[in-house]
Amino acid sequence: MGKAFNRIIKSILEGLIEVIYPRENYCIICKEDNCFGICEHCMKSIKTIADSYQDEIISYGYYGGVLKDLILKFKYKSNFTAGDILAEFLEEYIIRNLKYQEYVITYIPLSKKSKKIRGFNQCEYIAKKIANDLSIEALEVLIKDKETKEQKKLKKDERYENIKDAFKIKKGLEIGKYNIILVDDVTTTGATLKEAYKLLRKYQVKDIKLLTLAKSHI
């Protein structure tokens, strides 16, 4: 009864989201008609990272071209079709490489001030979209209680100092029992994800996978 009720609620919520944020039937990059948000040509132009699974931080592709356009459209123009497409990129990796039913998924948080300015956390949206599609749990694990400068404006050594001790674990959450997929949008030095990883390890999380959409360079 409980599971059936949850499926009904999930179906209703998915329908509401589709009404509020309908997915375009053209390519949001090149405007080609008769495709579901992104065309085959634009998809093929994305430079993916085939061997990223060997790295500590796993990234779908390099930060440039179409992938960069999708991230910026979602992050700064609230284009939720772009957000859905980006979530699906990470879903591909998760389905192929993880026993994902054994994991919960979470995300790099924004400070209250930053979230208020932007209106939403793009990483939170992506994590929850993946959780919904794969029927796994999305948890709010990390809280950002320190205002920091934008990482992209800082040099490599400054980024580590800027993000140091910026996160804490949400009160009342026993995270040691979980395997966690942690999602961020773009990694450059990896300072943000490594700081979050260090904290999760301190609380003895069983296994942690660090996933990003794109890898950039300073």
N, C-alpha and C. Protein backbone atom coordinates (compact mmCIF):
# COMPACT_ATOMS: atom_id res chain seq x y z
N MET A 1 0.84 -1.21 0.00
CA MET A 1 0.00 0.00 0.00
C MET A 1 0.87 1.26 0.00
N GLY A 2 1.90 1.25 0.89
CA GLY A 2 2.79 2.40 0.99
C GLY A 2 3.54 2.66 -0.30
N LYS A 3 4.10 1.60 -0.89
CA LYS A 3 4.88 1.74 -2.13
C LYS A 3 3.99 2.17 -3.29
N ALA A 4 2.80 1.61 -3.35
CA ALA A 4 1.87 1.98 -4.42
C ALA A 4 1.48 3.45 -4.31
N PHE A 5 1.25 3.90 -3.08
CA PHE A 5 0.90 5.31 -2.84
C PHE A 5 2.05 6.22 -3.26
N ASN A 6 3.29 5.82 -2.92
CA ASN A 6 4.46 6.61 -3.28
C ASN A 6 4.63 6.72 -4.79
N ARG A 7 4.31 5.61 -5.50
CA ARG A 7 4.41 5.64 -6.97
C ARG A 7 3.40 6.60 -7.56
N ILE A 8 2.20 6.63 -6.98
CA ILE A 8 1.15 7.55 -7.45
C ILE A 8 1.58 9.00 -7.25
N ILE A 9 2.09 9.30 -6.04
CA ILE A 9 2.55 10.65 -5.72
C ILE A 9 3.69 11.05 -6.66
N LYS A 10 4.63 10.13 -6.90
CA LYS A 10 5.75 10.39 -7.79
C LYS A 10 5.26 10.71 -9.20
N SER A 11 4.28 9.96 -9.68
CA SER A 11 3.73 10.18 -11.02
C SER A 11 3.06 11.55 -11.12
N ILE A 12 2.33 11.91 -10.06
CA ILE A 12 1.65 13.23 -10.04
C ILE A 12 2.68 14.35 -10.07
N LEU A 13 3.74 14.23 -9.26
CA LEU A 13 4.77 15.26 -9.20
C LEU A 13 5.50 15.40 -10.53
N GLU A 14 5.78 14.26 -11.18
CA GLU A 14 6.43 14.31 -12.49
C GLU A 14 5.56 15.04 -13.50
N GLY A 15 4.25 14.80 -13.43
CA GLY A 15 3.33 15.47 -14.34
C GLY A 15 3.29 16.97 -14.10
N LEU A 16 3.30 17.36 -12.83
CA LEU A 16 3.30 18.79 -12.49
C LEU A 16 4.57 19.48 -12.97
N ILE A 17 5.71 18.82 -12.79
CA ILE A 17 6.98 19.39 -13.24
C ILE A 17 6.97 19.58 -14.75
N GLU A 18 6.41 18.62 -15.47
CA GLU A 18 6.36 18.71 -16.93
C GLU A 18 5.47 19.86 -17.37
N VAL A 19 4.41 20.13 -16.62
CA VAL A 19 3.53 21.26 -16.94
C VAL A 19 4.22 22.59 -16.66
N ILE A 20 4.91 22.67 -15.51
CA ILE A 20 5.57 23.91 -15.12
C ILE A 20 6.81 24.18 -15.97
N TYR A 21 7.59 23.13 -16.20
CA TYR A 21 8.83 23.27 -16.98
C TYR A 21 8.81 22.30 -18.16
N PRO A 22 7.95 22.57 -19.16
CA PRO A 22 7.87 21.65 -20.30
C PRO A 22 9.18 21.61 -21.07
N ARG A 23 9.54 20.42 -21.52
CA ARG A 23 10.79 20.25 -22.26
C ARG A 23 10.60 20.67 -23.71
N GLU A 24 11.50 21.50 -24.20
CA GLU A 24 11.38 22.00 -25.56
C GLU A 24 11.47 20.87 -26.59
N ASN A 25 10.77 21.03 -27.73
CA ASN A 25 10.83 20.02 -28.79
C ASN A 25 11.76 20.48 -29.92
N TYR A 26 12.75 21.28 -29.54
CA TYR A 26 13.81 21.69 -30.47
C TYR A 26 15.12 21.73 -29.70
N CYS A 27 16.24 21.81 -30.40
CA CYS A 27 17.54 21.84 -29.75
C CYS A 27 17.76 23.21 -29.12
N ILE A 28 17.99 23.25 -27.83
CA ILE A 28 18.16 24.54 -27.15
C ILE A 28 19.54 25.16 -27.45
N ILE A 29 20.39 24.43 -28.15
CA ILE A 29 21.70 24.96 -28.53
C ILE A 29 21.66 25.56 -29.94
N CYS A 30 21.26 24.76 -30.92
CA CYS A 30 21.30 25.22 -32.32
C CYS A 30 19.92 25.50 -32.91
N LYS A 31 18.85 25.23 -32.15
CA LYS A 31 17.46 25.49 -32.53
C LYS A 31 16.91 24.53 -33.60
N GLU A 32 17.59 23.44 -33.87
CA GLU A 32 17.06 22.46 -34.82
C GLU A 32 15.74 21.90 -34.31
N ASP A 33 14.77 21.74 -35.22
CA ASP A 33 13.45 21.25 -34.83
C ASP A 33 13.43 19.74 -34.65
N ASN A 34 12.34 19.28 -34.04
CA ASN A 34 12.02 17.85 -33.92
C ASN A 34 13.09 17.04 -33.18
N CYS A 35 13.56 17.60 -32.08
CA CYS A 35 14.41 16.84 -31.18
C CYS A 35 14.04 17.23 -29.75
N PHE A 36 14.44 16.43 -28.81
CA PHE A 36 13.94 16.58 -27.45
C PHE A 36 14.95 17.33 -26.59
N GLY A 37 15.15 18.60 -26.88
CA GLY A 37 16.04 19.43 -26.07
C GLY A 37 17.44 19.59 -26.60
N ILE A 38 17.99 18.55 -27.21
CA ILE A 38 19.33 18.63 -27.80
C ILE A 38 19.39 17.69 -28.99
N CYS A 39 19.99 18.17 -30.09
CA CYS A 39 20.03 17.37 -31.32
C CYS A 39 21.26 16.46 -31.33
N GLU A 40 21.25 15.52 -32.24
CA GLU A 40 22.33 14.54 -32.34
C GLU A 40 23.67 15.22 -32.66
N HIS A 41 23.63 16.23 -33.53
CA HIS A 41 24.87 16.92 -33.91
C HIS A 41 25.51 17.60 -32.70
N CYS A 42 24.72 18.30 -31.90
CA CYS A 42 25.25 18.98 -30.72
C CYS A 42 25.73 17.98 -29.67
N MET A 43 25.01 16.87 -29.54
CA MET A 43 25.44 15.82 -28.60
C MET A 43 26.82 15.29 -28.99
N LYS A 44 27.00 15.04 -30.27
CA LYS A 44 28.27 14.46 -30.74
C LYS A 44 29.44 15.43 -30.60
N SER A 45 29.14 16.73 -30.53
CA SER A 45 30.21 17.72 -30.42
C SER A 45 30.77 17.84 -29.00
N ILE A 46 30.07 17.26 -28.01
CA ILE A 46 30.55 17.32 -26.63
C ILE A 46 31.78 16.42 -26.47
N LYS A 47 32.83 17.00 -25.92
CA LYS A 47 34.07 16.25 -25.72
C LYS A 47 34.01 15.54 -24.37
N THR A 48 33.62 14.29 -24.41
CA THR A 48 33.49 13.52 -23.17
C THR A 48 34.87 13.01 -22.72
N ILE A 49 34.93 12.59 -21.45
CA ILE A 49 36.18 12.09 -20.89
C ILE A 49 36.03 10.59 -20.68
N ALA A 50 36.55 9.82 -21.61
CA ALA A 50 36.34 8.38 -21.61
C ALA A 50 36.98 7.69 -20.41
N ASP A 51 38.14 8.17 -19.96
CA ASP A 51 38.86 7.49 -18.89
C ASP A 51 38.72 8.19 -17.54
N SER A 52 37.69 9.01 -17.40
CA SER A 52 37.51 9.76 -16.16
C SER A 52 37.32 8.86 -14.95
N TYR A 53 36.82 7.63 -15.17
CA TYR A 53 36.57 6.72 -14.06
C TYR A 53 37.84 6.37 -13.30
N GLN A 54 39.01 6.63 -13.91
CA GLN A 54 40.28 6.36 -13.25
C GLN A 54 40.66 7.48 -12.27
N ASP A 55 39.99 8.61 -12.36
CA ASP A 55 40.32 9.77 -11.54
C ASP A 55 39.57 9.75 -10.21
N GLU A 56 40.09 10.51 -9.26
CA GLU A 56 39.42 10.66 -7.97
C GLU A 56 38.07 11.34 -8.14
N ILE A 57 38.04 12.33 -9.04
CA ILE A 57 36.81 13.04 -9.37
C ILE A 57 36.42 12.67 -10.79
N ILE A 58 35.23 12.13 -10.96
CA ILE A 58 34.77 11.65 -12.26
C ILE A 58 33.97 12.75 -12.95
N SER A 59 34.35 13.11 -14.16
CA SER A 59 33.67 14.16 -14.91
C SER A 59 33.15 13.60 -16.24
N TYR A 60 31.95 14.06 -16.61
CA TYR A 60 31.35 13.61 -17.86
C TYR A 60 32.12 14.11 -19.08
N GLY A 61 32.51 15.38 -19.07
CA GLY A 61 33.19 15.94 -20.23
C GLY A 61 34.01 17.17 -19.87
N TYR A 62 34.61 17.76 -20.89
CA TYR A 62 35.41 18.97 -20.69
C TYR A 62 34.53 20.21 -20.78
N TYR A 63 34.87 21.21 -19.99
CA TYR A 63 34.08 22.43 -19.88
C TYR A 63 34.35 23.33 -21.08
N GLY A 64 33.53 23.19 -22.08
CA GLY A 64 33.66 23.99 -23.29
C GLY A 64 32.54 23.65 -24.25
N GLY A 65 32.37 24.47 -25.29
CA GLY A 65 31.40 24.18 -26.33
C GLY A 65 29.99 23.98 -25.82
N VAL A 66 29.35 22.93 -26.31
CA VAL A 66 27.95 22.65 -25.99
C VAL A 66 27.74 22.35 -24.51
N LEU A 67 28.66 21.60 -23.91
CA LEU A 67 28.51 21.27 -22.49
C LEU A 67 28.55 22.53 -21.63
N LYS A 68 29.46 23.42 -21.94
CA LYS A 68 29.53 24.70 -21.21
C LYS A 68 28.24 25.50 -21.41
N ASP A 69 27.74 25.54 -22.66
CA ASP A 69 26.50 26.27 -22.95
C ASP A 69 25.34 25.73 -22.13
N LEU A 70 25.23 24.41 -22.04
CA LEU A 70 24.15 23.79 -21.27
C LEU A 70 24.25 24.17 -19.79
N ILE A 71 25.44 24.10 -19.24
CA ILE A 71 25.64 24.43 -17.83
C ILE A 71 25.28 25.89 -17.55
N LEU A 72 25.72 26.80 -18.41
CA LEU A 72 25.45 28.22 -18.21
C LEU A 72 23.97 28.55 -18.40
N LYS A 73 23.32 27.90 -19.38
CA LYS A 73 21.88 28.12 -19.59
C LYS A 73 21.09 27.70 -18.36
N PHE A 74 21.49 26.59 -17.79
CA PHE A 74 20.79 26.09 -16.60
C PHE A 74 21.10 26.95 -15.38
N LYS A 75 22.37 27.20 -15.15
CA LYS A 75 22.83 27.85 -13.92
C LYS A 75 22.39 29.31 -13.82
N TYR A 76 22.47 30.03 -14.94
CA TYR A 76 22.24 31.47 -14.89
C TYR A 76 20.97 31.93 -15.61
N LYS A 77 20.37 31.06 -16.43
CA LYS A 77 19.15 31.44 -17.14
C LYS A 77 17.96 30.55 -16.76
N SER A 78 18.17 29.68 -15.78
CA SER A 78 17.10 28.81 -15.26
C SER A 78 16.41 28.01 -16.37
N ASN A 79 17.20 27.51 -17.32
CA ASN A 79 16.65 26.67 -18.38
C ASN A 79 16.64 25.23 -17.88
N PHE A 80 15.46 24.75 -17.45
CA PHE A 80 15.38 23.45 -16.82
C PHE A 80 15.45 22.29 -17.82
N THR A 81 15.24 22.59 -19.09
CA THR A 81 15.52 21.55 -20.10
C THR A 81 17.00 21.24 -20.11
N ALA A 82 17.82 22.28 -20.05
CA ALA A 82 19.28 22.07 -19.95
C ALA A 82 19.61 21.27 -18.70
N GLY A 83 18.95 21.59 -17.59
CA GLY A 83 19.18 20.85 -16.35
C GLY A 83 18.84 19.38 -16.47
N ASP A 84 17.73 19.08 -17.12
CA ASP A 84 17.34 17.68 -17.31
C ASP A 84 18.34 16.93 -18.19
N ILE A 85 18.80 17.59 -19.25
CA ILE A 85 19.78 16.97 -20.15
C ILE A 85 21.07 16.68 -19.38
N LEU A 86 21.52 17.64 -18.59
CA LEU A 86 22.75 17.46 -17.81
C LEU A 86 22.61 16.32 -16.81
N ALA A 87 21.46 16.24 -16.16
CA ALA A 87 21.22 15.14 -15.22
C ALA A 87 21.32 13.79 -15.92
N GLU A 88 20.80 13.72 -17.12
CA GLU A 88 20.82 12.47 -17.88
C GLU A 88 22.24 12.05 -18.26
N PHE A 89 23.13 13.03 -18.45
CA PHE A 89 24.53 12.70 -18.73
C PHE A 89 25.14 11.93 -17.56
N LEU A 90 24.90 12.40 -16.34
CA LEU A 90 25.45 11.72 -15.17
C LEU A 90 24.75 10.39 -14.92
N GLU A 91 23.46 10.33 -15.25
CA GLU A 91 22.74 9.07 -15.12
C GLU A 91 23.40 7.97 -15.95
N GLU A 92 23.85 8.31 -17.14
CA GLU A 92 24.51 7.33 -18.02
C GLU A 92 25.68 6.68 -17.31
N TYR A 93 26.52 7.50 -16.69
CA TYR A 93 27.69 6.96 -15.99
C TYR A 93 27.23 6.09 -14.81
N ILE A 94 26.30 6.59 -14.02
CA ILE A 94 25.86 5.88 -12.82
C ILE A 94 25.29 4.52 -13.17
N ILE A 95 24.46 4.46 -14.19
CA ILE A 95 23.83 3.20 -14.61
C ILE A 95 24.89 2.20 -15.08
N ARG A 96 25.88 2.69 -15.83
CA ARG A 96 26.89 1.80 -16.40
C ARG A 96 27.91 1.32 -15.37
N ASN A 97 28.20 2.13 -14.36
CA ASN A 97 29.38 1.86 -13.54
C ASN A 97 29.13 1.60 -12.05
N LEU A 98 27.93 1.87 -11.57
CA LEU A 98 27.69 1.72 -10.14
C LEU A 98 26.50 0.79 -9.86
N LYS A 99 26.57 0.09 -8.75
CA LYS A 99 25.39 -0.59 -8.23
C LYS A 99 24.59 0.48 -7.48
N TYR A 100 23.95 1.34 -8.25
CA TYR A 100 23.43 2.59 -7.72
C TYR A 100 22.32 2.40 -6.69
N GLN A 101 21.68 1.23 -6.70
CA GLN A 101 20.63 0.97 -5.71
C GLN A 101 21.22 0.94 -4.29
N GLU A 102 22.54 0.80 -4.19
CA GLU A 102 23.21 0.74 -2.89
C GLU A 102 23.66 2.12 -2.41
N TYR A 103 23.35 3.17 -3.19
CA TYR A 103 23.81 4.52 -2.87
C TYR A 103 22.64 5.47 -2.64
N VAL A 104 22.93 6.52 -1.89
CA VAL A 104 22.07 7.72 -1.88
C VAL A 104 22.84 8.79 -2.64
N ILE A 105 22.14 9.80 -3.10
CA ILE A 105 22.79 10.86 -3.85
C ILE A 105 22.61 12.19 -3.14
N THR A 106 23.66 13.00 -3.14
CA THR A 106 23.59 14.33 -2.55
C THR A 106 24.38 15.30 -3.43
N TYR A 107 24.58 16.51 -2.95
CA TYR A 107 25.08 17.57 -3.83
C TYR A 107 25.87 18.61 -3.03
N ILE A 108 26.69 19.37 -3.74
CA ILE A 108 27.40 20.49 -3.12
C ILE A 108 26.38 21.61 -2.86
N PRO A 109 26.28 22.07 -1.62
CA PRO A 109 25.26 23.08 -1.30
C PRO A 109 25.73 24.49 -1.62
N LEU A 110 24.77 25.39 -1.72
CA LEU A 110 25.04 26.83 -1.77
C LEU A 110 24.81 27.40 -0.38
N SER A 111 25.42 28.53 -0.10
CA SER A 111 25.09 29.25 1.13
C SER A 111 23.67 29.80 0.99
N LYS A 112 23.05 30.16 2.10
CA LYS A 112 21.69 30.72 2.06
C LYS A 112 21.64 31.97 1.19
N LYS A 113 22.68 32.80 1.31
CA LYS A 113 22.73 34.05 0.55
C LYS A 113 22.80 33.77 -0.96
N SER A 114 23.69 32.86 -1.36
CA SER A 114 23.85 32.54 -2.79
C SER A 114 22.60 31.91 -3.37
N LYS A 115 21.96 31.03 -2.60
CA LYS A 115 20.75 30.37 -3.08
C LYS A 115 19.61 31.37 -3.25
N LYS A 116 19.54 32.34 -2.34
CA LYS A 116 18.51 33.37 -2.43
C LYS A 116 18.70 34.22 -3.68
N ILE A 117 19.95 34.55 -3.99
CA ILE A 117 20.25 35.37 -5.17
C ILE A 117 19.92 34.62 -6.45
N ARG A 118 20.35 33.35 -6.54
CA ARG A 118 20.14 32.57 -7.77
C ARG A 118 18.73 32.01 -7.86
N GLY A 119 18.14 31.70 -6.72
CA GLY A 119 16.78 31.17 -6.72
C GLY A 119 16.70 29.67 -6.59
N PHE A 120 17.78 28.97 -6.90
CA PHE A 120 17.81 27.52 -6.78
C PHE A 120 19.27 27.06 -6.82
N ASN A 121 19.48 25.84 -6.37
CA ASN A 121 20.81 25.23 -6.43
C ASN A 121 20.82 24.24 -7.59
N GLN A 122 21.60 24.52 -8.62
CA GLN A 122 21.61 23.68 -9.81
C GLN A 122 22.06 22.25 -9.50
N CYS A 123 22.97 22.09 -8.55
CA CYS A 123 23.44 20.75 -8.20
C CYS A 123 22.36 19.96 -7.47
N GLU A 124 21.59 20.65 -6.65
CA GLU A 124 20.48 20.01 -5.95
C GLU A 124 19.43 19.52 -6.96
N TYR A 125 19.11 20.36 -7.93
CA TYR A 125 18.12 19.97 -8.95
C TYR A 125 18.59 18.72 -9.70
N ILE A 126 19.85 18.72 -10.11
CA ILE A 126 20.38 17.58 -10.88
C ILE A 126 20.37 16.32 -10.02
N ALA A 127 20.81 16.42 -8.77
CA ALA A 127 20.82 15.25 -7.89
C ALA A 127 19.42 14.69 -7.69
N LYS A 128 18.44 15.56 -7.50
CA LYS A 128 17.06 15.10 -7.28
C LYS A 128 16.44 14.53 -8.55
N LYS A 129 16.81 15.08 -9.70
CA LYS A 129 16.34 14.52 -10.98
C LYS A 129 16.89 13.11 -11.17
N ILE A 130 18.18 12.92 -10.89
CA ILE A 130 18.78 11.60 -11.00
C ILE A 130 18.12 10.63 -10.02
N ALA A 131 17.93 11.08 -8.79
CA ALA A 131 17.30 10.23 -7.76
C ALA A 131 15.91 9.80 -8.20
N ASN A 132 15.14 10.73 -8.75
CA ASN A 132 13.79 10.43 -9.21
C ASN A 132 13.81 9.43 -10.36
N ASP A 133 14.71 9.64 -11.33
CA ASP A 133 14.78 8.77 -12.50
C ASP A 133 15.24 7.36 -12.15
N LEU A 134 16.16 7.27 -11.18
CA LEU A 134 16.75 5.97 -10.85
C LEU A 134 16.12 5.32 -9.61
N SER A 135 15.12 6.01 -9.03
CA SER A 135 14.43 5.50 -7.84
C SER A 135 15.40 5.22 -6.69
N ILE A 136 16.30 6.18 -6.45
CA ILE A 136 17.15 6.13 -5.28
C ILE A 136 16.86 7.37 -4.43
N GLU A 137 17.44 7.42 -3.24
CA GLU A 137 17.13 8.51 -2.31
C GLU A 137 18.08 9.69 -2.51
N ALA A 138 17.52 10.89 -2.54
CA ALA A 138 18.32 12.12 -2.54
C ALA A 138 18.27 12.70 -1.13
N LEU A 139 19.45 12.97 -0.57
CA LEU A 139 19.52 13.48 0.79
C LEU A 139 20.24 14.83 0.82
N GLU A 140 19.77 15.72 1.67
CA GLU A 140 20.52 16.93 1.97
C GLU A 140 21.51 16.55 3.08
N VAL A 141 22.77 16.42 2.74
CA VAL A 141 23.79 15.97 3.68
C VAL A 141 24.65 17.13 4.17
N LEU A 142 25.10 17.96 3.22
CA LEU A 142 26.04 19.04 3.52
C LEU A 142 25.32 20.38 3.63
N ILE A 143 25.76 21.18 4.57
CA ILE A 143 25.28 22.55 4.73
C ILE A 143 26.48 23.48 4.55
N LYS A 144 26.30 24.53 3.78
CA LYS A 144 27.37 25.51 3.64
C LYS A 144 27.06 26.70 4.53
N ASP A 145 27.83 26.83 5.62
CA ASP A 145 27.54 27.90 6.58
C ASP A 145 28.62 28.97 6.59
N LYS A 146 29.43 29.00 5.55
CA LYS A 146 30.49 30.01 5.42
C LYS A 146 30.37 30.66 4.06
N GLU A 147 30.28 31.98 4.04
CA GLU A 147 30.26 32.70 2.76
C GLU A 147 31.66 32.68 2.16
N THR A 148 31.74 32.29 0.90
CA THR A 148 33.04 32.21 0.22
C THR A 148 33.01 33.04 -1.05
N LYS A 149 34.18 33.35 -1.55
CA LYS A 149 34.29 34.02 -2.84
C LYS A 149 34.03 33.00 -3.94
N GLU A 150 33.71 33.48 -5.14
CA GLU A 150 33.53 32.56 -6.27
C GLU A 150 34.86 31.89 -6.59
N GLN A 151 34.86 30.57 -6.60
CA GLN A 151 36.09 29.83 -6.84
C GLN A 151 36.72 30.18 -8.19
N LYS A 152 35.89 30.41 -9.20
CA LYS A 152 36.42 30.65 -10.55
C LYS A 152 37.23 31.94 -10.65
N LYS A 153 37.11 32.80 -9.65
CA LYS A 153 37.83 34.07 -9.67
C LYS A 153 39.17 34.00 -8.93
N LEU A 154 39.47 32.82 -8.38
CA LEU A 154 40.65 32.67 -7.54
C LEU A 154 41.72 31.80 -8.18
N LYS A 155 42.96 31.99 -7.74
CA LYS A 155 44.06 31.13 -8.17
C LYS A 155 43.98 29.80 -7.43
N LYS A 156 44.77 28.84 -7.91
CA LYS A 156 44.68 27.47 -7.39
C LYS A 156 44.85 27.42 -5.87
N ASP A 157 45.91 28.00 -5.32
CA ASP A 157 46.14 27.91 -3.88
C ASP A 157 45.09 28.68 -3.09
N GLU A 158 44.54 29.74 -3.68
CA GLU A 158 43.51 30.53 -3.01
C GLU A 158 42.20 29.75 -2.90
N ARG A 159 41.95 28.87 -3.85
CA ARG A 159 40.69 28.12 -3.85
C ARG A 159 40.60 27.18 -2.66
N TYR A 160 41.69 26.53 -2.33
CA TYR A 160 41.69 25.61 -1.19
C TYR A 160 41.46 26.36 0.12
N GLU A 161 42.10 27.52 0.25
CA GLU A 161 41.93 28.31 1.47
C GLU A 161 40.52 28.88 1.56
N ASN A 162 39.97 29.28 0.41
CA ASN A 162 38.64 29.88 0.35
C ASN A 162 37.55 28.91 0.82
N ILE A 163 37.68 27.65 0.44
CA ILE A 163 36.62 26.67 0.72
C ILE A 163 36.87 25.90 2.02
N LYS A 164 38.02 26.11 2.66
CA LYS A 164 38.37 25.38 3.88
C LYS A 164 37.32 25.60 4.97
N ASP A 165 36.85 24.49 5.53
CA ASP A 165 35.86 24.51 6.64
C ASP A 165 34.56 25.22 6.27
N ALA A 166 34.21 25.19 4.99
CA ALA A 166 32.97 25.87 4.55
C ALA A 166 31.73 25.02 4.78
N PHE A 167 31.91 23.70 4.97
CA PHE A 167 30.77 22.79 5.06
C PHE A 167 30.63 22.19 6.46
N LYS A 168 29.41 21.79 6.77
CA LYS A 168 29.15 20.98 7.96
C LYS A 168 28.08 19.94 7.57
N ILE A 169 27.95 18.93 8.40
CA ILE A 169 26.94 17.89 8.16
C ILE A 169 25.61 18.34 8.76
N LYS A 170 24.54 18.08 8.04
CA LYS A 170 23.21 18.44 8.54
C LYS A 170 22.94 17.74 9.87
N LYS A 171 22.39 18.49 10.81
CA LYS A 171 22.13 17.97 12.15
C LYS A 171 21.16 16.78 12.12
N GLY A 172 21.47 15.80 12.96
CA GLY A 172 20.58 14.67 13.13
C GLY A 172 20.71 13.58 12.07
N LEU A 173 21.68 13.74 11.16
CA LEU A 173 21.83 12.78 10.06
C LEU A 173 22.96 11.81 10.38
N GLU A 174 22.64 10.52 10.40
CA GLU A 174 23.65 9.49 10.63
C GLU A 174 24.15 9.00 9.28
N ILE A 175 25.21 9.62 8.80
CA ILE A 175 25.63 9.34 7.42
C ILE A 175 26.60 8.16 7.30
N GLY A 176 27.09 7.67 8.45
CA GLY A 176 28.06 6.58 8.41
C GLY A 176 27.52 5.30 7.80
N LYS A 177 26.21 5.17 7.73
CA LYS A 177 25.61 3.94 7.20
C LYS A 177 25.43 3.97 5.68
N TYR A 178 25.76 5.11 5.04
CA TYR A 178 25.46 5.28 3.63
C TYR A 178 26.67 5.11 2.71
N ASN A 179 26.38 4.71 1.48
CA ASN A 179 27.27 4.94 0.34
C ASN A 179 26.72 6.18 -0.37
N ILE A 180 27.59 7.12 -0.71
CA ILE A 180 27.13 8.41 -1.19
C ILE A 180 27.69 8.76 -2.57
N ILE A 181 26.81 9.21 -3.45
CA ILE A 181 27.20 9.85 -4.72
C ILE A 181 27.08 11.35 -4.48
N LEU A 182 28.18 12.07 -4.63
CA LEU A 182 28.20 13.52 -4.40
C LEU A 182 28.35 14.23 -5.74
N VAL A 183 27.41 15.13 -6.04
CA VAL A 183 27.35 15.78 -7.35
C VAL A 183 27.73 17.25 -7.27
N ASP A 184 28.56 17.69 -8.24
CA ASP A 184 28.86 19.11 -8.44
C ASP A 184 28.78 19.38 -9.93
N ASP A 185 28.73 20.65 -10.32
CA ASP A 185 28.59 20.93 -11.75
C ASP A 185 29.94 20.96 -12.47
N VAL A 186 30.87 21.81 -12.00
CA VAL A 186 32.16 21.95 -12.68
C VAL A 186 33.29 21.81 -11.67
N THR A 187 34.33 21.07 -12.02
CA THR A 187 35.51 20.98 -11.18
C THR A 187 36.71 21.53 -11.94
N THR A 188 37.55 22.27 -11.21
CA THR A 188 38.78 22.80 -11.80
C THR A 188 39.97 22.24 -11.02
N THR A 189 40.21 22.75 -9.84
CA THR A 189 41.25 22.19 -8.99
C THR A 189 40.73 21.01 -8.15
N GLY A 190 39.41 20.93 -8.03
CA GLY A 190 38.81 19.90 -7.19
C GLY A 190 38.73 20.30 -5.73
N ALA A 191 39.05 21.55 -5.42
CA ALA A 191 39.11 22.00 -4.02
C ALA A 191 37.78 21.82 -3.30
N THR A 192 36.68 22.17 -3.94
CA THR A 192 35.37 22.10 -3.30
C THR A 192 34.99 20.65 -2.99
N LEU A 193 35.12 19.79 -3.97
CA LEU A 193 34.75 18.39 -3.76
C LEU A 193 35.68 17.71 -2.77
N LYS A 194 36.95 18.04 -2.80
CA LYS A 194 37.89 17.42 -1.87
C LYS A 194 37.62 17.85 -0.43
N GLU A 195 37.20 19.10 -0.25
CA GLU A 195 36.85 19.57 1.08
C GLU A 195 35.61 18.83 1.60
N ALA A 196 34.62 18.64 0.72
CA ALA A 196 33.42 17.90 1.10
C ALA A 196 33.76 16.43 1.36
N TYR A 197 34.59 15.87 0.53
CA TYR A 197 35.02 14.47 0.68
C TYR A 197 35.69 14.25 2.03
N LYS A 198 36.57 15.16 2.39
CA LYS A 198 37.30 15.07 3.67
C LYS A 198 36.32 15.03 4.84
N LEU A 199 35.28 15.86 4.79
CA LEU A 199 34.30 15.90 5.86
C LEU A 199 33.48 14.62 5.91
N LEU A 200 33.06 14.12 4.76
CA LEU A 200 32.29 12.88 4.72
C LEU A 200 33.12 11.71 5.25
N ARG A 201 34.40 11.68 4.92
CA ARG A 201 35.28 10.64 5.43
C ARG A 201 35.42 10.72 6.95
N LYS A 202 35.45 11.93 7.45
CA LYS A 202 35.55 12.14 8.90
C LYS A 202 34.37 11.48 9.62
N TYR A 203 33.21 11.50 8.95
CA TYR A 203 32.00 10.90 9.53
C TYR A 203 31.81 9.45 9.08
N GLN A 204 32.87 8.87 8.52
CA GLN A 204 32.95 7.44 8.21
C GLN A 204 31.89 6.95 7.24
N VAL A 205 31.61 7.76 6.21
CA VAL A 205 30.76 7.30 5.12
C VAL A 205 31.42 6.10 4.46
N LYS A 206 30.64 5.08 4.15
CA LYS A 206 31.20 3.82 3.64
C LYS A 206 31.95 4.00 2.33
N ASP A 207 31.28 4.55 1.33
CA ASP A 207 31.92 4.74 0.02
C ASP A 207 31.41 6.05 -0.57
N ILE A 208 32.29 6.79 -1.23
CA ILE A 208 31.94 8.10 -1.78
C ILE A 208 32.38 8.17 -3.23
N LYS A 209 31.44 8.49 -4.12
CA LYS A 209 31.75 8.74 -5.53
C LYS A 209 31.57 10.22 -5.80
N LEU A 210 32.57 10.86 -6.38
CA LEU A 210 32.53 12.28 -6.69
C LEU A 210 32.27 12.45 -8.17
N LEU A 211 31.11 13.00 -8.53
CA LEU A 211 30.72 13.13 -9.93
C LEU A 211 30.51 14.60 -10.30
N THR A 212 31.06 15.01 -11.43
CA THR A 212 30.80 16.36 -11.95
C THR A 212 30.41 16.28 -13.41
N LEU A 213 29.76 17.32 -13.86
CA LEU A 213 29.39 17.40 -15.27
C LEU A 213 30.60 17.71 -16.14
N ALA A 214 31.46 18.60 -15.66
CA ALA A 214 32.54 19.09 -16.52
C ALA A 214 33.83 19.33 -15.75
N LYS A 215 34.93 19.14 -16.47
CA LYS A 215 36.26 19.41 -15.93
C LYS A 215 36.83 20.62 -16.66
N SER A 216 37.28 21.59 -15.87
CA SER A 216 37.81 22.82 -16.44
C SER A 216 39.28 22.97 -16.06
N HIS A 217 39.89 24.02 -16.55
CA HIS A 217 41.28 24.30 -16.24
C HIS A 217 41.42 25.78 -15.89
N ILE A 218 42.37 26.08 -15.00
CA ILE A 218 42.64 27.48 -14.64
C ILE A 218 43.39 28.15 -15.80
